[in-house]
Amino acid sequence: MREFCLYFFVSLVALACDLGAFSLTMRYLNWSWWICAPLGFLIGVGVAYFLSVQVVFKSRTYHRKPRAEMLVFFFIGLFGLWITQLVLWLCIEGMNLNPEVSRLGAAGLTFFSNFLVRKFFLFRSISNGQVMFK
């Protein structure tokens, strides 16, 4: 439960960075939402990874391979980006909803799946105190 609560807080910080970049590039640079969403995603996933390994998860499957860990973290997030893009397309293009509100809705859908997959593949202990992929 501790990890879940910390991950929720970290996700809020990462979402603020993601949503900020999304909104700023869309509103002030006048870029299309379909370009701004992946840009915000990259910023958000960077913040989420850094804070996850520093604050949230004590057990790390790839603890001796930080580059591999970061890549797996990123690729898990790509599934969330796919869901985000789909939700944004449906909400913005299909229903003419506000892009920022649509982005928040998409974040809600991806939060739980990202936590569970990241916890299982990246941040778990293996029995007998051994850790995978030393």
N, C-alpha and C. Protein backbone atom coordinates (compact mmCIF):
# COMPACT_ATOMS: atom_id res chain seq x y z
N MET A 1 0.82 -1.19 0.00
CA MET A 1 0.00 0.00 0.00
C MET A 1 0.88 1.27 0.00
N ARG A 2 2.01 1.20 0.71
CA ARG A 2 2.92 2.34 0.75
C ARG A 2 3.39 2.69 -0.66
N GLU A 3 3.82 1.66 -1.41
CA GLU A 3 4.30 1.90 -2.76
C GLU A 3 3.20 2.46 -3.66
N PHE A 4 1.99 1.93 -3.51
CA PHE A 4 0.89 2.41 -4.33
C PHE A 4 0.62 3.89 -4.06
N CYS A 5 0.60 4.29 -2.80
CA CYS A 5 0.35 5.69 -2.45
C CYS A 5 1.47 6.60 -2.96
N LEU A 6 2.71 6.16 -2.78
CA LEU A 6 3.83 6.95 -3.29
C LEU A 6 3.80 7.03 -4.81
N TYR A 7 3.47 5.91 -5.46
CA TYR A 7 3.39 5.90 -6.91
C TYR A 7 2.28 6.84 -7.39
N PHE A 8 1.19 6.89 -6.67
CA PHE A 8 0.10 7.80 -7.01
C PHE A 8 0.60 9.25 -6.95
N PHE A 9 1.32 9.61 -5.89
CA PHE A 9 1.87 10.96 -5.77
C PHE A 9 2.86 11.26 -6.90
N VAL A 10 3.76 10.32 -7.15
CA VAL A 10 4.75 10.48 -8.23
C VAL A 10 4.03 10.64 -9.57
N SER A 11 2.98 9.86 -9.77
CA SER A 11 2.21 9.96 -11.02
C SER A 11 1.55 11.31 -11.16
N LEU A 12 1.09 11.89 -10.06
CA LEU A 12 0.51 13.23 -10.12
C LEU A 12 1.55 14.27 -10.53
N VAL A 13 2.74 14.16 -10.00
CA VAL A 13 3.82 15.09 -10.37
C VAL A 13 4.18 14.91 -11.85
N ALA A 14 4.31 13.66 -12.27
CA ALA A 14 4.63 13.38 -13.68
C ALA A 14 3.50 13.85 -14.59
N LEU A 15 2.26 13.66 -14.17
CA LEU A 15 1.13 14.11 -14.96
C LEU A 15 1.11 15.63 -15.08
N ALA A 16 1.46 16.32 -14.01
CA ALA A 16 1.52 17.79 -14.07
C ALA A 16 2.55 18.24 -15.10
N CYS A 17 3.70 17.56 -15.14
CA CYS A 17 4.73 17.89 -16.13
C CYS A 17 4.25 17.56 -17.54
N ASP A 18 3.66 16.38 -17.69
CA ASP A 18 3.12 15.94 -18.98
C ASP A 18 2.04 16.90 -19.46
N LEU A 19 1.06 17.16 -18.61
CA LEU A 19 -0.05 18.03 -18.99
C LEU A 19 0.42 19.45 -19.25
N GLY A 20 1.39 19.92 -18.47
CA GLY A 20 1.94 21.25 -18.69
C GLY A 20 2.59 21.38 -20.05
N ALA A 21 3.42 20.40 -20.40
CA ALA A 21 4.07 20.44 -21.71
C ALA A 21 3.04 20.29 -22.83
N PHE A 22 2.08 19.40 -22.63
CA PHE A 22 1.00 19.20 -23.60
C PHE A 22 0.26 20.51 -23.86
N SER A 23 -0.18 21.14 -22.79
CA SER A 23 -0.99 22.35 -22.92
C SER A 23 -0.18 23.53 -23.47
N LEU A 24 1.03 23.71 -22.94
CA LEU A 24 1.86 24.84 -23.40
C LEU A 24 2.20 24.74 -24.88
N THR A 25 2.60 23.55 -25.31
CA THR A 25 2.97 23.43 -26.73
C THR A 25 1.75 23.54 -27.64
N MET A 26 0.61 23.08 -27.16
CA MET A 26 -0.60 23.15 -27.97
C MET A 26 -1.16 24.57 -28.00
N ARG A 27 -1.19 25.24 -26.85
CA ARG A 27 -1.82 26.56 -26.75
C ARG A 27 -0.90 27.70 -27.19
N TYR A 28 0.39 27.61 -26.84
CA TYR A 28 1.30 28.73 -27.13
C TYR A 28 2.14 28.55 -28.38
N LEU A 29 2.47 27.32 -28.71
CA LEU A 29 3.22 27.06 -29.93
C LEU A 29 2.30 26.68 -31.08
N ASN A 30 1.03 26.46 -30.73
CA ASN A 30 0.00 26.17 -31.73
C ASN A 30 0.26 24.85 -32.47
N TRP A 31 0.85 23.88 -31.78
CA TRP A 31 1.09 22.57 -32.36
C TRP A 31 -0.17 21.73 -32.22
N SER A 32 -0.28 20.71 -33.03
CA SER A 32 -1.42 19.81 -32.99
C SER A 32 -1.34 18.92 -31.74
N TRP A 33 -2.50 18.55 -31.21
CA TRP A 33 -2.54 17.73 -30.01
C TRP A 33 -1.84 16.39 -30.21
N TRP A 34 -1.88 15.84 -31.41
CA TRP A 34 -1.27 14.53 -31.64
C TRP A 34 0.25 14.57 -31.62
N ILE A 35 0.84 15.75 -31.71
CA ILE A 35 2.29 15.91 -31.53
C ILE A 35 2.60 16.26 -30.07
N CYS A 36 1.75 17.09 -29.48
CA CYS A 36 1.96 17.55 -28.11
C CYS A 36 1.83 16.43 -27.09
N ALA A 37 0.93 15.50 -27.32
CA ALA A 37 0.72 14.40 -26.36
C ALA A 37 1.97 13.52 -26.21
N PRO A 38 2.61 13.08 -27.30
CA PRO A 38 3.84 12.29 -27.12
C PRO A 38 4.98 13.10 -26.50
N LEU A 39 5.06 14.39 -26.81
CA LEU A 39 6.09 15.23 -26.20
C LEU A 39 5.87 15.31 -24.69
N GLY A 40 4.64 15.57 -24.29
CA GLY A 40 4.32 15.59 -22.87
C GLY A 40 4.59 14.24 -22.22
N PHE A 41 4.27 13.17 -22.96
CA PHE A 41 4.52 11.82 -22.46
C PHE A 41 6.00 11.61 -22.16
N LEU A 42 6.87 12.01 -23.07
CA LEU A 42 8.32 11.83 -22.86
C LEU A 42 8.79 12.55 -21.61
N ILE A 43 8.31 13.75 -21.42
CA ILE A 43 8.68 14.52 -20.23
C ILE A 43 8.12 13.84 -18.98
N GLY A 44 6.85 13.47 -19.03
CA GLY A 44 6.22 12.82 -17.89
C GLY A 44 6.84 11.49 -17.52
N VAL A 45 7.17 10.68 -18.51
CA VAL A 45 7.76 9.36 -18.21
C VAL A 45 9.16 9.52 -17.63
N GLY A 46 9.88 10.54 -18.06
CA GLY A 46 11.20 10.81 -17.47
C GLY A 46 11.09 11.17 -16.00
N VAL A 47 10.16 12.04 -15.69
CA VAL A 47 9.92 12.43 -14.29
C VAL A 47 9.44 11.22 -13.49
N ALA A 48 8.52 10.45 -14.05
CA ALA A 48 7.98 9.28 -13.35
C ALA A 48 9.07 8.25 -13.06
N TYR A 49 9.96 8.02 -14.03
CA TYR A 49 11.02 7.04 -13.81
C TYR A 49 11.96 7.51 -12.71
N PHE A 50 12.42 8.74 -12.81
CA PHE A 50 13.36 9.26 -11.82
C PHE A 50 12.78 9.18 -10.42
N LEU A 51 11.56 9.65 -10.25
CA LEU A 51 10.95 9.64 -8.93
C LEU A 51 10.60 8.22 -8.46
N SER A 52 10.25 7.34 -9.39
CA SER A 52 9.93 5.96 -9.01
C SER A 52 11.14 5.25 -8.42
N VAL A 53 12.29 5.42 -9.03
CA VAL A 53 13.48 4.71 -8.53
C VAL A 53 14.07 5.42 -7.31
N GLN A 54 13.83 6.71 -7.17
CA GLN A 54 14.37 7.44 -6.03
C GLN A 54 13.48 7.37 -4.79
N VAL A 55 12.16 7.35 -5.01
CA VAL A 55 11.23 7.52 -3.89
C VAL A 55 10.32 6.31 -3.65
N VAL A 56 9.83 5.69 -4.71
CA VAL A 56 8.73 4.74 -4.57
C VAL A 56 9.19 3.32 -4.32
N PHE A 57 9.91 2.73 -5.25
CA PHE A 57 10.19 1.30 -5.23
C PHE A 57 11.56 1.00 -4.65
N LYS A 58 11.59 0.20 -3.61
CA LYS A 58 12.86 -0.19 -2.99
C LYS A 58 13.45 -1.42 -3.66
N SER A 59 12.61 -2.34 -4.09
CA SER A 59 13.07 -3.54 -4.81
C SER A 59 13.10 -3.23 -6.29
N ARG A 60 14.22 -3.56 -6.92
CA ARG A 60 14.36 -3.26 -8.34
C ARG A 60 14.89 -4.49 -9.06
N THR A 61 14.08 -5.01 -9.96
CA THR A 61 14.44 -6.22 -10.72
C THR A 61 15.74 -6.02 -11.48
N TYR A 62 15.92 -4.88 -12.10
CA TYR A 62 17.11 -4.58 -12.91
C TYR A 62 18.06 -3.64 -12.15
N HIS A 63 18.21 -3.84 -10.86
CA HIS A 63 18.96 -2.87 -10.06
C HIS A 63 20.40 -2.65 -10.52
N ARG A 64 20.97 -3.59 -11.19
CA ARG A 64 22.35 -3.42 -11.68
C ARG A 64 22.42 -3.07 -13.16
N LYS A 65 21.27 -2.90 -13.76
CA LYS A 65 21.21 -2.54 -15.18
C LYS A 65 20.24 -1.37 -15.35
N PRO A 66 20.65 -0.17 -14.91
CA PRO A 66 19.72 0.96 -14.93
C PRO A 66 19.25 1.35 -16.33
N ARG A 67 20.08 1.18 -17.34
CA ARG A 67 19.64 1.51 -18.71
C ARG A 67 18.54 0.57 -19.17
N ALA A 68 18.71 -0.71 -18.89
CA ALA A 68 17.67 -1.68 -19.25
C ALA A 68 16.40 -1.38 -18.47
N GLU A 69 16.54 -1.05 -17.20
CA GLU A 69 15.38 -0.71 -16.37
C GLU A 69 14.64 0.49 -16.94
N MET A 70 15.38 1.52 -17.33
CA MET A 70 14.76 2.72 -17.89
C MET A 70 14.05 2.41 -19.20
N LEU A 71 14.65 1.57 -20.04
CA LEU A 71 14.01 1.19 -21.30
C LEU A 71 12.73 0.40 -21.08
N VAL A 72 12.75 -0.54 -20.17
CA VAL A 72 11.54 -1.32 -19.87
C VAL A 72 10.47 -0.39 -19.31
N PHE A 73 10.84 0.51 -18.42
CA PHE A 73 9.91 1.48 -17.85
C PHE A 73 9.27 2.30 -18.97
N PHE A 74 10.09 2.76 -19.91
CA PHE A 74 9.61 3.55 -21.04
C PHE A 74 8.68 2.74 -21.93
N PHE A 75 9.06 1.51 -22.26
CA PHE A 75 8.23 0.70 -23.15
C PHE A 75 6.90 0.31 -22.52
N ILE A 76 6.89 0.11 -21.21
CA ILE A 76 5.61 -0.10 -20.53
C ILE A 76 4.75 1.14 -20.67
N GLY A 77 5.37 2.30 -20.55
CA GLY A 77 4.65 3.56 -20.71
C GLY A 77 4.12 3.77 -22.11
N LEU A 78 4.77 3.17 -23.11
CA LEU A 78 4.27 3.31 -24.49
C LEU A 78 2.87 2.74 -24.65
N PHE A 79 2.57 1.69 -23.91
CA PHE A 79 1.21 1.16 -23.93
C PHE A 79 0.24 2.23 -23.41
N GLY A 80 0.65 2.92 -22.35
CA GLY A 80 -0.16 4.02 -21.83
C GLY A 80 -0.30 5.14 -22.84
N LEU A 81 0.76 5.42 -23.59
CA LEU A 81 0.69 6.46 -24.62
C LEU A 81 -0.29 6.05 -25.72
N TRP A 82 -0.30 4.78 -26.08
CA TRP A 82 -1.23 4.31 -27.10
C TRP A 82 -2.67 4.52 -26.63
N ILE A 83 -2.93 4.16 -25.38
CA ILE A 83 -4.27 4.39 -24.82
C ILE A 83 -4.59 5.88 -24.79
N THR A 84 -3.61 6.69 -24.39
CA THR A 84 -3.81 8.13 -24.34
C THR A 84 -4.16 8.69 -25.70
N GLN A 85 -3.41 8.32 -26.71
CA GLN A 85 -3.69 8.83 -28.05
C GLN A 85 -5.08 8.42 -28.53
N LEU A 86 -5.47 7.19 -28.24
CA LEU A 86 -6.79 6.70 -28.62
C LEU A 86 -7.89 7.50 -27.91
N VAL A 87 -7.73 7.69 -26.60
CA VAL A 87 -8.72 8.45 -25.83
C VAL A 87 -8.78 9.89 -26.31
N LEU A 88 -7.63 10.50 -26.57
CA LEU A 88 -7.61 11.88 -27.06
C LEU A 88 -8.29 11.99 -28.42
N TRP A 89 -8.03 11.04 -29.28
CA TRP A 89 -8.67 11.08 -30.60
C TRP A 89 -10.18 10.97 -30.45
N LEU A 90 -10.64 10.03 -29.63
CA LEU A 90 -12.08 9.86 -29.42
C LEU A 90 -12.72 11.11 -28.80
N CYS A 91 -12.05 11.66 -27.79
CA CYS A 91 -12.62 12.80 -27.06
C CYS A 91 -12.51 14.11 -27.83
N ILE A 92 -11.34 14.39 -28.40
CA ILE A 92 -11.13 15.68 -29.06
C ILE A 92 -11.76 15.68 -30.44
N GLU A 93 -11.42 14.69 -31.23
CA GLU A 93 -11.92 14.65 -32.60
C GLU A 93 -13.37 14.16 -32.68
N GLY A 94 -13.66 13.13 -31.91
CA GLY A 94 -14.99 12.53 -31.98
C GLY A 94 -16.07 13.27 -31.23
N MET A 95 -15.72 13.80 -30.03
CA MET A 95 -16.74 14.43 -29.19
C MET A 95 -16.51 15.93 -28.98
N ASN A 96 -15.42 16.45 -29.57
CA ASN A 96 -15.11 17.88 -29.48
C ASN A 96 -14.97 18.36 -28.03
N LEU A 97 -14.32 17.53 -27.18
CA LEU A 97 -14.10 17.88 -25.78
C LEU A 97 -12.80 18.65 -25.62
N ASN A 98 -12.65 19.32 -24.49
CA ASN A 98 -11.44 20.06 -24.16
C ASN A 98 -10.24 19.12 -24.12
N PRO A 99 -9.12 19.47 -24.78
CA PRO A 99 -7.96 18.58 -24.83
C PRO A 99 -7.35 18.27 -23.45
N GLU A 100 -7.26 19.27 -22.58
CA GLU A 100 -6.67 19.05 -21.27
C GLU A 100 -7.54 18.13 -20.41
N VAL A 101 -8.85 18.33 -20.46
CA VAL A 101 -9.76 17.45 -19.72
C VAL A 101 -9.69 16.04 -20.29
N SER A 102 -9.60 15.93 -21.58
CA SER A 102 -9.47 14.62 -22.23
C SER A 102 -8.18 13.94 -21.80
N ARG A 103 -7.10 14.71 -21.69
CA ARG A 103 -5.81 14.16 -21.28
C ARG A 103 -5.88 13.64 -19.85
N LEU A 104 -6.58 14.36 -18.98
CA LEU A 104 -6.74 13.90 -17.60
C LEU A 104 -7.53 12.59 -17.55
N GLY A 105 -8.55 12.48 -18.37
CA GLY A 105 -9.32 11.24 -18.43
C GLY A 105 -8.48 10.07 -18.90
N ALA A 106 -7.66 10.32 -19.88
CA ALA A 106 -6.76 9.26 -20.38
C ALA A 106 -5.77 8.85 -19.30
N ALA A 107 -5.28 9.81 -18.53
CA ALA A 107 -4.34 9.50 -17.45
C ALA A 107 -4.97 8.59 -16.41
N GLY A 108 -6.22 8.84 -16.12
CA GLY A 108 -6.92 7.99 -15.17
C GLY A 108 -7.00 6.54 -15.63
N LEU A 109 -7.20 6.36 -16.93
CA LEU A 109 -7.29 5.00 -17.47
C LEU A 109 -5.96 4.26 -17.42
N THR A 110 -4.87 4.98 -17.60
CA THR A 110 -3.57 4.32 -17.69
C THR A 110 -2.86 4.15 -16.35
N PHE A 111 -3.27 4.89 -15.33
CA PHE A 111 -2.55 4.87 -14.06
C PHE A 111 -2.44 3.47 -13.47
N PHE A 112 -3.56 2.78 -13.30
CA PHE A 112 -3.56 1.48 -12.63
C PHE A 112 -2.81 0.42 -13.41
N SER A 113 -2.99 0.39 -14.71
CA SER A 113 -2.29 -0.62 -15.51
C SER A 113 -0.79 -0.40 -15.48
N ASN A 114 -0.36 0.86 -15.57
CA ASN A 114 1.08 1.14 -15.52
C ASN A 114 1.68 0.73 -14.17
N PHE A 115 0.98 1.02 -13.08
CA PHE A 115 1.49 0.64 -11.76
C PHE A 115 1.67 -0.87 -11.67
N LEU A 116 0.64 -1.62 -12.03
CA LEU A 116 0.69 -3.07 -11.89
C LEU A 116 1.77 -3.70 -12.76
N VAL A 117 1.87 -3.26 -14.00
CA VAL A 117 2.87 -3.84 -14.90
C VAL A 117 4.28 -3.46 -14.46
N ARG A 118 4.47 -2.20 -14.07
CA ARG A 118 5.81 -1.78 -13.62
C ARG A 118 6.19 -2.48 -12.33
N LYS A 119 5.26 -2.63 -11.43
CA LYS A 119 5.54 -3.33 -10.17
C LYS A 119 5.95 -4.77 -10.44
N PHE A 120 5.23 -5.45 -11.33
CA PHE A 120 5.51 -6.85 -11.61
C PHE A 120 6.82 -7.05 -12.35
N PHE A 121 7.10 -6.24 -13.38
CA PHE A 121 8.27 -6.46 -14.22
C PHE A 121 9.53 -5.75 -13.75
N LEU A 122 9.37 -4.65 -13.06
CA LEU A 122 10.55 -3.84 -12.74
C LEU A 122 10.90 -3.77 -11.26
N PHE A 123 9.91 -3.73 -10.42
CA PHE A 123 10.16 -3.37 -9.03
C PHE A 123 9.63 -4.41 -8.06
N ARG A 124 10.12 -5.63 -8.21
CA ARG A 124 9.70 -6.69 -7.30
C ARG A 124 10.91 -7.48 -6.85
N SER A 125 10.75 -8.08 -5.70
CA SER A 125 11.77 -8.98 -5.18
C SER A 125 11.48 -10.38 -5.65
N ILE A 126 12.52 -11.13 -5.84
CA ILE A 126 12.39 -12.54 -6.22
C ILE A 126 12.62 -13.36 -4.95
N SER A 127 12.00 -14.52 -4.84
CA SER A 127 12.13 -15.35 -3.64
C SER A 127 13.59 -15.64 -3.30
N ASN A 128 13.85 -15.92 -2.05
CA ASN A 128 15.18 -16.20 -1.52
C ASN A 128 16.11 -14.99 -1.60
N GLY A 129 15.54 -13.80 -1.67
CA GLY A 129 16.36 -12.59 -1.68
C GLY A 129 17.10 -12.35 -2.98
N GLN A 130 16.88 -13.19 -3.99
CA GLN A 130 17.56 -13.02 -5.25
C GLN A 130 16.78 -12.04 -6.11
N VAL A 131 17.50 -11.34 -6.93
CA VAL A 131 16.87 -10.38 -7.83
C VAL A 131 17.18 -10.81 -9.26
N MET A 132 16.18 -10.71 -10.12
CA MET A 132 16.38 -11.09 -11.52
C MET A 132 17.35 -10.13 -12.21
N PHE A 133 18.06 -10.60 -13.19
CA PHE A 133 18.88 -9.81 -14.10
C PHE A 133 19.94 -8.99 -13.36
N LYS A 134 20.77 -9.64 -12.58
CA LYS A 134 21.85 -8.94 -11.88
C LYS A 134 22.88 -8.45 -12.84
